[in-house]
Amino acid sequence: MFFVYGYGGTGKTHLYKTMSATLRSKGDIVLNVASSGIVALLLEGERTAHIRFAIPINVVEDSMCHIVADSDLADLIRKANLIIWDEAPMINMHCYEAFDKTLRDICRTDSSVASNKVFGGKVVLFGGDFRQILPVITNGSRQDVVNAT
């Protein structure tokens, strides 16, 4: 797991595009997701994280993504060499927890220890700027927002 931090305009999107193109030119699978629909338009094949990983809209502490282990989506995720998640700071921490639990579940095999590895052992690159957009917590205090990140 990696995190690319940078102010707006520092080249994060250029880095993601370069990494995606390089890996795809070698036949690798790269999944690009973003925390919002507008940002999802910036990279090739990018979707919102909620759509790509079937993250529940009303996510809570014990939520999991709605991905069946023997589905085409689960197979695509297992085959992915890199997952890039843009504007990561703007989403609630329970989304990451649901994503982690789901990846541990679908990447597990009989001879694998993926269920013990963060994000099922997948390489995940998060990126964004914590100063730009934080998660929206309806009627939340500053402490509630901090606790959600």
N, C-alpha and C. Protein backbone atom coordinates (compact mmCIF):
# COMPACT_ATOMS: atom_id res chain seq x y z
N MET A 1 0.85 -1.17 0.00
CA MET A 1 0.00 0.00 0.00
C MET A 1 0.90 1.23 0.00
N PHE A 2 0.55 2.17 -0.86
CA PHE A 2 1.31 3.41 -0.99
C PHE A 2 0.34 4.59 -0.96
N PHE A 3 0.86 5.76 -0.60
CA PHE A 3 0.06 6.98 -0.65
C PHE A 3 0.87 8.07 -1.32
N VAL A 4 0.31 8.66 -2.37
CA VAL A 4 0.94 9.79 -3.05
C VAL A 4 0.23 11.05 -2.57
N TYR A 5 1.00 11.90 -1.90
CA TYR A 5 0.44 13.15 -1.38
C TYR A 5 1.00 14.30 -2.19
N GLY A 6 0.14 15.21 -2.56
CA GLY A 6 0.60 16.40 -3.26
C GLY A 6 -0.51 17.42 -3.37
N TYR A 7 -0.10 18.67 -3.40
CA TYR A 7 -1.06 19.76 -3.59
C TYR A 7 -1.69 19.64 -4.97
N GLY A 8 -2.80 20.33 -5.17
CA GLY A 8 -3.42 20.36 -6.49
C GLY A 8 -2.44 20.92 -7.51
N GLY A 9 -2.33 20.26 -8.66
CA GLY A 9 -1.45 20.73 -9.72
C GLY A 9 -0.02 20.26 -9.63
N THR A 10 0.29 19.35 -8.72
CA THR A 10 1.67 18.88 -8.58
C THR A 10 1.99 17.69 -9.47
N GLY A 11 1.00 17.14 -10.18
CA GLY A 11 1.28 16.07 -11.12
C GLY A 11 0.84 14.68 -10.69
N LYS A 12 -0.03 14.59 -9.70
CA LYS A 12 -0.50 13.27 -9.26
C LYS A 12 -1.21 12.54 -10.40
N THR A 13 -2.10 13.24 -11.09
CA THR A 13 -2.84 12.61 -12.19
C THR A 13 -1.89 12.17 -13.30
N HIS A 14 -0.89 12.98 -13.60
CA HIS A 14 0.11 12.60 -14.61
C HIS A 14 0.84 11.33 -14.17
N LEU A 15 1.19 11.24 -12.91
CA LEU A 15 1.85 10.04 -12.39
C LEU A 15 0.95 8.82 -12.55
N TYR A 16 -0.33 8.95 -12.20
CA TYR A 16 -1.27 7.82 -12.33
C TYR A 16 -1.40 7.38 -13.78
N LYS A 17 -1.51 8.36 -14.70
CA LYS A 17 -1.63 8.03 -16.12
C LYS A 17 -0.39 7.31 -16.63
N THR A 18 0.78 7.79 -16.22
CA THR A 18 2.03 7.17 -16.66
C THR A 18 2.16 5.76 -16.12
N MET A 19 1.86 5.58 -14.84
CA MET A 19 1.94 4.24 -14.25
C MET A 19 0.95 3.29 -14.92
N SER A 20 -0.28 3.75 -15.12
CA SER A 20 -1.30 2.91 -15.75
C SER A 20 -0.89 2.51 -17.16
N ALA A 21 -0.44 3.47 -17.96
CA ALA A 21 -0.05 3.19 -19.34
C ALA A 21 1.14 2.25 -19.41
N THR A 22 2.12 2.45 -18.54
CA THR A 22 3.30 1.60 -18.53
C THR A 22 2.95 0.16 -18.19
N LEU A 23 2.17 -0.03 -17.14
CA LEU A 23 1.80 -1.39 -16.74
C LEU A 23 0.89 -2.05 -17.77
N ARG A 24 -0.06 -1.30 -18.30
CA ARG A 24 -0.96 -1.88 -19.31
C ARG A 24 -0.22 -2.24 -20.59
N SER A 25 0.82 -1.48 -20.94
CA SER A 25 1.60 -1.80 -22.14
C SER A 25 2.34 -3.13 -21.98
N LYS A 26 2.53 -3.56 -20.75
CA LYS A 26 3.18 -4.84 -20.46
C LYS A 26 2.16 -5.96 -20.28
N GLY A 27 0.88 -5.63 -20.47
CA GLY A 27 -0.17 -6.63 -20.33
C GLY A 27 -0.73 -6.77 -18.93
N ASP A 28 -0.32 -5.90 -18.03
CA ASP A 28 -0.82 -5.94 -16.66
C ASP A 28 -2.18 -5.25 -16.56
N ILE A 29 -2.91 -5.59 -15.52
CA ILE A 29 -4.23 -5.00 -15.29
C ILE A 29 -4.13 -3.94 -14.21
N VAL A 30 -4.60 -2.74 -14.52
CA VAL A 30 -4.62 -1.63 -13.57
C VAL A 30 -6.06 -1.17 -13.43
N LEU A 31 -6.54 -1.09 -12.19
CA LEU A 31 -7.88 -0.58 -11.92
C LEU A 31 -7.75 0.83 -11.35
N ASN A 32 -8.33 1.80 -12.04
CA ASN A 32 -8.32 3.19 -11.60
C ASN A 32 -9.68 3.53 -11.02
N VAL A 33 -9.69 4.02 -9.79
CA VAL A 33 -10.93 4.46 -9.17
C VAL A 33 -10.70 5.83 -8.52
N ALA A 34 -11.79 6.50 -8.24
CA ALA A 34 -11.72 7.79 -7.57
C ALA A 34 -12.86 7.88 -6.57
N SER A 35 -12.71 8.80 -5.64
CA SER A 35 -13.73 8.97 -4.61
C SER A 35 -14.93 9.77 -5.08
N SER A 36 -14.81 10.45 -6.23
CA SER A 36 -15.95 11.22 -6.75
C SER A 36 -16.08 11.01 -8.25
N GLY A 37 -17.27 11.26 -8.75
CA GLY A 37 -17.53 11.07 -10.17
C GLY A 37 -16.76 12.02 -11.07
N ILE A 38 -16.58 13.26 -10.65
CA ILE A 38 -15.86 14.24 -11.45
C ILE A 38 -14.40 13.81 -11.60
N VAL A 39 -13.78 13.42 -10.53
CA VAL A 39 -12.38 12.97 -10.57
C VAL A 39 -12.26 11.69 -11.38
N ALA A 40 -13.29 10.86 -11.35
CA ALA A 40 -13.26 9.59 -12.08
C ALA A 40 -13.17 9.78 -13.59
N LEU A 41 -13.47 10.97 -14.08
CA LEU A 41 -13.40 11.23 -15.51
C LEU A 41 -11.98 11.52 -15.99
N LEU A 42 -11.04 11.70 -15.08
CA LEU A 42 -9.70 12.15 -15.46
C LEU A 42 -8.78 11.04 -15.94
N LEU A 43 -9.00 9.80 -15.53
CA LEU A 43 -8.12 8.70 -15.92
C LEU A 43 -8.86 7.68 -16.76
N GLU A 44 -8.13 7.06 -17.67
CA GLU A 44 -8.73 6.04 -18.55
C GLU A 44 -9.27 4.86 -17.74
N GLY A 45 -10.50 4.52 -18.00
CA GLY A 45 -11.10 3.37 -17.34
C GLY A 45 -11.46 3.59 -15.88
N GLU A 46 -11.35 4.82 -15.43
CA GLU A 46 -11.60 5.10 -14.01
C GLU A 46 -13.09 5.18 -13.74
N ARG A 47 -13.46 4.65 -12.59
CA ARG A 47 -14.83 4.71 -12.10
C ARG A 47 -14.78 5.17 -10.65
N THR A 48 -15.94 5.47 -10.10
CA THR A 48 -15.93 5.78 -8.67
C THR A 48 -15.65 4.49 -7.92
N ALA A 49 -15.05 4.63 -6.77
CA ALA A 49 -14.74 3.46 -5.94
C ALA A 49 -16.02 2.73 -5.55
N HIS A 50 -17.08 3.49 -5.28
CA HIS A 50 -18.35 2.86 -4.90
C HIS A 50 -18.89 1.97 -6.01
N ILE A 51 -18.78 2.41 -7.25
CA ILE A 51 -19.28 1.61 -8.37
C ILE A 51 -18.36 0.43 -8.65
N ARG A 52 -17.07 0.68 -8.77
CA ARG A 52 -16.12 -0.39 -9.12
C ARG A 52 -16.11 -1.51 -8.09
N PHE A 53 -16.12 -1.14 -6.81
CA PHE A 53 -15.99 -2.15 -5.75
C PHE A 53 -17.29 -2.43 -5.01
N ALA A 54 -18.39 -1.92 -5.52
CA ALA A 54 -19.72 -2.17 -4.93
C ALA A 54 -19.74 -1.87 -3.43
N ILE A 55 -19.18 -0.70 -3.10
CA ILE A 55 -19.16 -0.26 -1.70
C ILE A 55 -20.55 0.27 -1.36
N PRO A 56 -21.11 -0.14 -0.23
CA PRO A 56 -22.44 0.36 0.14
C PRO A 56 -22.44 1.88 0.30
N ILE A 57 -23.54 2.51 -0.06
CA ILE A 57 -23.65 3.97 0.08
C ILE A 57 -23.65 4.36 1.55
N ASN A 58 -24.44 3.69 2.35
CA ASN A 58 -24.49 3.96 3.79
C ASN A 58 -23.56 2.99 4.50
N VAL A 59 -22.28 3.24 4.37
CA VAL A 59 -21.28 2.33 4.92
C VAL A 59 -21.12 2.56 6.42
N VAL A 60 -21.01 1.46 7.15
CA VAL A 60 -20.79 1.50 8.60
C VAL A 60 -19.60 0.61 8.92
N GLU A 61 -19.26 0.54 10.18
CA GLU A 61 -18.04 -0.15 10.62
C GLU A 61 -17.94 -1.59 10.13
N ASP A 62 -19.02 -2.33 10.12
CA ASP A 62 -18.94 -3.75 9.75
C ASP A 62 -19.40 -4.02 8.31
N SER A 63 -19.47 -2.99 7.47
CA SER A 63 -19.88 -3.15 6.07
C SER A 63 -18.84 -3.92 5.27
N MET A 64 -19.31 -4.56 4.22
CA MET A 64 -18.44 -5.18 3.23
C MET A 64 -18.96 -4.78 1.85
N CYS A 65 -18.09 -4.86 0.87
CA CYS A 65 -18.50 -4.58 -0.50
C CYS A 65 -19.38 -5.72 -0.99
N HIS A 66 -20.27 -5.40 -1.92
CA HIS A 66 -21.20 -6.40 -2.44
C HIS A 66 -20.58 -7.09 -3.67
N ILE A 67 -19.52 -7.87 -3.42
CA ILE A 67 -18.85 -8.60 -4.49
C ILE A 67 -18.86 -10.08 -4.13
N VAL A 68 -19.41 -10.88 -5.03
CA VAL A 68 -19.45 -12.32 -4.82
C VAL A 68 -18.11 -12.91 -5.25
N ALA A 69 -17.56 -13.82 -4.46
CA ALA A 69 -16.21 -14.35 -4.68
C ALA A 69 -16.03 -15.01 -6.05
N ASP A 70 -17.07 -15.59 -6.63
CA ASP A 70 -16.91 -16.25 -7.92
C ASP A 70 -17.46 -15.42 -9.09
N SER A 71 -17.57 -14.11 -8.89
CA SER A 71 -18.09 -13.22 -9.94
C SER A 71 -16.97 -12.75 -10.87
N ASP A 72 -17.36 -12.19 -12.01
CA ASP A 72 -16.39 -11.63 -12.95
C ASP A 72 -15.62 -10.47 -12.32
N LEU A 73 -16.31 -9.66 -11.53
CA LEU A 73 -15.65 -8.54 -10.86
C LEU A 73 -14.59 -9.03 -9.88
N ALA A 74 -14.91 -10.05 -9.11
CA ALA A 74 -13.93 -10.62 -8.17
C ALA A 74 -12.73 -11.16 -8.93
N ASP A 75 -12.97 -11.80 -10.06
CA ASP A 75 -11.89 -12.34 -10.88
C ASP A 75 -11.01 -11.20 -11.42
N LEU A 76 -11.64 -10.12 -11.88
CA LEU A 76 -10.89 -8.96 -12.36
C LEU A 76 -10.01 -8.38 -11.25
N ILE A 77 -10.55 -8.26 -10.07
CA ILE A 77 -9.79 -7.71 -8.94
C ILE A 77 -8.63 -8.63 -8.58
N ARG A 78 -8.86 -9.94 -8.58
CA ARG A 78 -7.78 -10.89 -8.28
C ARG A 78 -6.65 -10.78 -9.30
N LYS A 79 -7.00 -10.53 -10.56
CA LYS A 79 -5.99 -10.44 -11.63
C LYS A 79 -5.29 -9.09 -11.67
N ALA A 80 -5.84 -8.09 -11.02
CA ALA A 80 -5.27 -6.73 -11.08
C ALA A 80 -3.88 -6.70 -10.46
N ASN A 81 -2.96 -6.04 -11.15
CA ASN A 81 -1.60 -5.86 -10.65
C ASN A 81 -1.46 -4.60 -9.82
N LEU A 82 -2.34 -3.64 -10.06
CA LEU A 82 -2.29 -2.37 -9.33
C LEU A 82 -3.69 -1.78 -9.27
N ILE A 83 -4.03 -1.23 -8.12
CA ILE A 83 -5.27 -0.48 -7.94
C ILE A 83 -4.88 0.94 -7.54
N ILE A 84 -5.30 1.91 -8.34
CA ILE A 84 -5.02 3.32 -8.05
C ILE A 84 -6.32 3.97 -7.60
N TRP A 85 -6.29 4.60 -6.43
CA TRP A 85 -7.49 5.23 -5.85
C TRP A 85 -7.18 6.71 -5.68
N ASP A 86 -7.73 7.55 -6.55
CA ASP A 86 -7.47 8.99 -6.54
C ASP A 86 -8.43 9.71 -5.58
N GLU A 87 -7.97 10.81 -5.04
CA GLU A 87 -8.73 11.63 -4.08
C GLU A 87 -9.21 10.79 -2.90
N ALA A 88 -8.33 9.95 -2.41
CA ALA A 88 -8.66 9.04 -1.31
C ALA A 88 -9.08 9.75 -0.01
N PRO A 89 -8.50 10.89 0.35
CA PRO A 89 -8.86 11.49 1.64
C PRO A 89 -10.32 11.93 1.77
N MET A 90 -11.05 12.03 0.66
CA MET A 90 -12.41 12.57 0.76
C MET A 90 -13.46 11.51 1.07
N ILE A 91 -13.06 10.30 1.35
CA ILE A 91 -14.03 9.24 1.58
C ILE A 91 -13.94 8.73 3.02
N ASN A 92 -15.04 8.26 3.54
CA ASN A 92 -15.10 7.79 4.93
C ASN A 92 -14.22 6.56 5.13
N MET A 93 -13.58 6.49 6.28
CA MET A 93 -12.66 5.37 6.57
C MET A 93 -13.35 4.02 6.52
N HIS A 94 -14.65 3.96 6.77
CA HIS A 94 -15.36 2.68 6.73
C HIS A 94 -15.40 2.11 5.31
N CYS A 95 -15.28 2.97 4.30
CA CYS A 95 -15.20 2.48 2.92
C CYS A 95 -13.91 1.69 2.72
N TYR A 96 -12.81 2.19 3.27
CA TYR A 96 -11.54 1.47 3.16
C TYR A 96 -11.57 0.17 3.93
N GLU A 97 -12.22 0.20 5.08
CA GLU A 97 -12.33 -1.02 5.87
C GLU A 97 -13.16 -2.07 5.14
N ALA A 98 -14.26 -1.65 4.51
CA ALA A 98 -15.09 -2.58 3.73
C ALA A 98 -14.30 -3.12 2.55
N PHE A 99 -13.55 -2.25 1.88
CA PHE A 99 -12.71 -2.63 0.74
C PHE A 99 -11.65 -3.64 1.18
N ASP A 100 -11.00 -3.37 2.30
CA ASP A 100 -9.97 -4.27 2.83
C ASP A 100 -10.56 -5.65 3.16
N LYS A 101 -11.66 -5.67 3.89
CA LYS A 101 -12.28 -6.96 4.26
C LYS A 101 -12.69 -7.75 3.02
N THR A 102 -13.22 -7.04 2.03
CA THR A 102 -13.67 -7.72 0.82
C THR A 102 -12.48 -8.28 0.04
N LEU A 103 -11.41 -7.50 -0.11
CA LEU A 103 -10.24 -8.00 -0.82
C LEU A 103 -9.61 -9.19 -0.10
N ARG A 104 -9.55 -9.13 1.21
CA ARG A 104 -9.03 -10.28 1.97
C ARG A 104 -9.87 -11.52 1.69
N ASP A 105 -11.18 -11.33 1.56
CA ASP A 105 -12.08 -12.45 1.33
C ASP A 105 -11.94 -13.01 -0.09
N ILE A 106 -11.98 -12.15 -1.11
CA ILE A 106 -11.98 -12.66 -2.48
C ILE A 106 -10.59 -13.08 -2.97
N CYS A 107 -9.52 -12.58 -2.35
CA CYS A 107 -8.16 -12.96 -2.77
C CYS A 107 -7.66 -14.20 -2.05
N ARG A 108 -8.43 -14.67 -1.12
CA ARG A 108 -8.02 -15.85 -0.34
C ARG A 108 -8.23 -17.11 -1.18
N THR A 109 -7.24 -17.98 -1.14
CA THR A 109 -7.36 -19.31 -1.73
C THR A 109 -6.95 -20.32 -0.67
N ASP A 110 -7.10 -21.57 -0.98
CA ASP A 110 -6.76 -22.61 0.00
C ASP A 110 -5.30 -22.55 0.43
N SER A 111 -4.40 -22.20 -0.49
CA SER A 111 -2.98 -22.19 -0.18
C SER A 111 -2.44 -20.78 0.05
N SER A 112 -3.31 -19.81 0.19
CA SER A 112 -2.90 -18.41 0.28
C SER A 112 -3.02 -17.87 1.70
N VAL A 113 -2.19 -16.90 1.99
CA VAL A 113 -2.30 -16.19 3.26
C VAL A 113 -2.84 -14.77 3.03
N ALA A 114 -3.49 -14.57 1.88
CA ALA A 114 -3.99 -13.24 1.51
C ALA A 114 -4.97 -12.70 2.54
N SER A 115 -5.67 -13.59 3.24
CA SER A 115 -6.64 -13.11 4.22
C SER A 115 -5.96 -12.44 5.41
N ASN A 116 -4.65 -12.64 5.55
CA ASN A 116 -3.90 -12.00 6.63
C ASN A 116 -3.19 -10.74 6.17
N LYS A 117 -3.24 -10.44 4.88
CA LYS A 117 -2.54 -9.28 4.34
C LYS A 117 -3.51 -8.13 4.09
N VAL A 118 -3.01 -6.93 4.29
CA VAL A 118 -3.82 -5.74 4.03
C VAL A 118 -4.23 -5.74 2.56
N PHE A 119 -5.50 -5.47 2.31
CA PHE A 119 -6.08 -5.45 0.97
C PHE A 119 -5.81 -6.75 0.21
N GLY A 120 -5.79 -7.85 0.94
CA GLY A 120 -5.63 -9.16 0.32
C GLY A 120 -4.31 -9.34 -0.39
N GLY A 121 -3.32 -8.52 -0.04
CA GLY A 121 -2.01 -8.61 -0.67
C GLY A 121 -1.92 -7.85 -1.99
N LYS A 122 -2.98 -7.16 -2.40
CA LYS A 122 -2.96 -6.40 -3.65
C LYS A 122 -2.15 -5.11 -3.45
N VAL A 123 -1.51 -4.65 -4.53
CA VAL A 123 -0.79 -3.38 -4.48
C VAL A 123 -1.82 -2.28 -4.73
N VAL A 124 -1.98 -1.41 -3.74
CA VAL A 124 -2.96 -0.32 -3.82
C VAL A 124 -2.22 1.00 -3.64
N LEU A 125 -2.44 1.92 -4.57
CA LEU A 125 -1.86 3.25 -4.51
C LEU A 125 -2.97 4.25 -4.27
N PHE A 126 -2.97 4.85 -3.09
CA PHE A 126 -3.92 5.90 -2.77
C PHE A 126 -3.25 7.24 -3.06
N GLY A 127 -4.04 8.23 -3.38
CA GLY A 127 -3.48 9.54 -3.62
C GLY A 127 -4.47 10.64 -3.32
N GLY A 128 -3.93 11.83 -3.09
CA GLY A 128 -4.79 12.97 -2.84
C GLY A 128 -4.12 14.01 -1.97
N ASP A 129 -4.92 14.93 -1.51
CA ASP A 129 -4.45 16.04 -0.69
C ASP A 129 -5.42 16.20 0.48
N PHE A 130 -4.94 15.92 1.68
CA PHE A 130 -5.79 15.99 2.86
C PHE A 130 -6.32 17.40 3.12
N ARG A 131 -5.72 18.40 2.52
CA ARG A 131 -6.16 19.77 2.75
C ARG A 131 -7.27 20.19 1.80
N GLN A 132 -7.52 19.41 0.75
CA GLN A 132 -8.54 19.82 -0.23
C GLN A 132 -9.95 19.46 0.20
N ILE A 133 -10.23 18.19 0.34
CA ILE A 133 -11.60 17.77 0.64
C ILE A 133 -11.57 16.64 1.65
N LEU A 134 -12.28 16.82 2.74
CA LEU A 134 -12.40 15.78 3.75
C LEU A 134 -13.79 15.15 3.63
N PRO A 135 -13.99 14.00 4.24
CA PRO A 135 -15.32 13.37 4.18
C PRO A 135 -16.39 14.30 4.75
N VAL A 136 -17.57 14.23 4.16
CA VAL A 136 -18.70 15.02 4.64
C VAL A 136 -19.44 14.22 5.69
N ILE A 137 -19.55 14.77 6.88
CA ILE A 137 -20.27 14.14 7.98
C ILE A 137 -21.44 15.05 8.33
N THR A 138 -22.64 14.64 7.98
CA THR A 138 -23.83 15.46 8.22
C THR A 138 -23.97 15.78 9.70
N ASN A 139 -24.10 17.06 10.01
CA ASN A 139 -24.23 17.55 11.39
C ASN A 139 -23.07 17.12 12.28
N GLY A 140 -21.92 16.86 11.67
CA GLY A 140 -20.77 16.40 12.44
C GLY A 140 -19.90 17.54 12.92
N SER A 141 -19.23 17.30 14.02
CA SER A 141 -18.27 18.27 14.56
C SER A 141 -16.93 18.08 13.84
N ARG A 142 -15.99 18.94 14.13
CA ARG A 142 -14.65 18.79 13.57
C ARG A 142 -14.05 17.45 13.98
N GLN A 143 -14.29 17.06 15.21
CA GLN A 143 -13.77 15.78 15.70
C GLN A 143 -14.40 14.61 14.95
N ASP A 144 -15.68 14.71 14.62
CA ASP A 144 -16.36 13.66 13.84
C ASP A 144 -15.71 13.50 12.47
N VAL A 145 -15.36 14.62 11.84
CA VAL A 145 -14.71 14.57 10.53
C VAL A 145 -13.34 13.93 10.65
N VAL A 146 -12.57 14.31 11.66
CA VAL A 146 -11.25 13.72 11.88
C VAL A 146 -11.37 12.22 12.12
N ASN A 147 -12.34 11.82 12.90
CA ASN A 147 -12.52 10.39 13.20
C ASN A 147 -12.93 9.60 11.97
N ALA A 148 -13.53 10.25 10.98
CA ALA A 148 -13.98 9.55 9.77
C ALA A 148 -12.88 9.39 8.73
N THR A 149 -11.73 10.05 8.93
CA THR A 149 -10.64 9.96 7.95
C THR A 149 -9.66 8.87 8.30
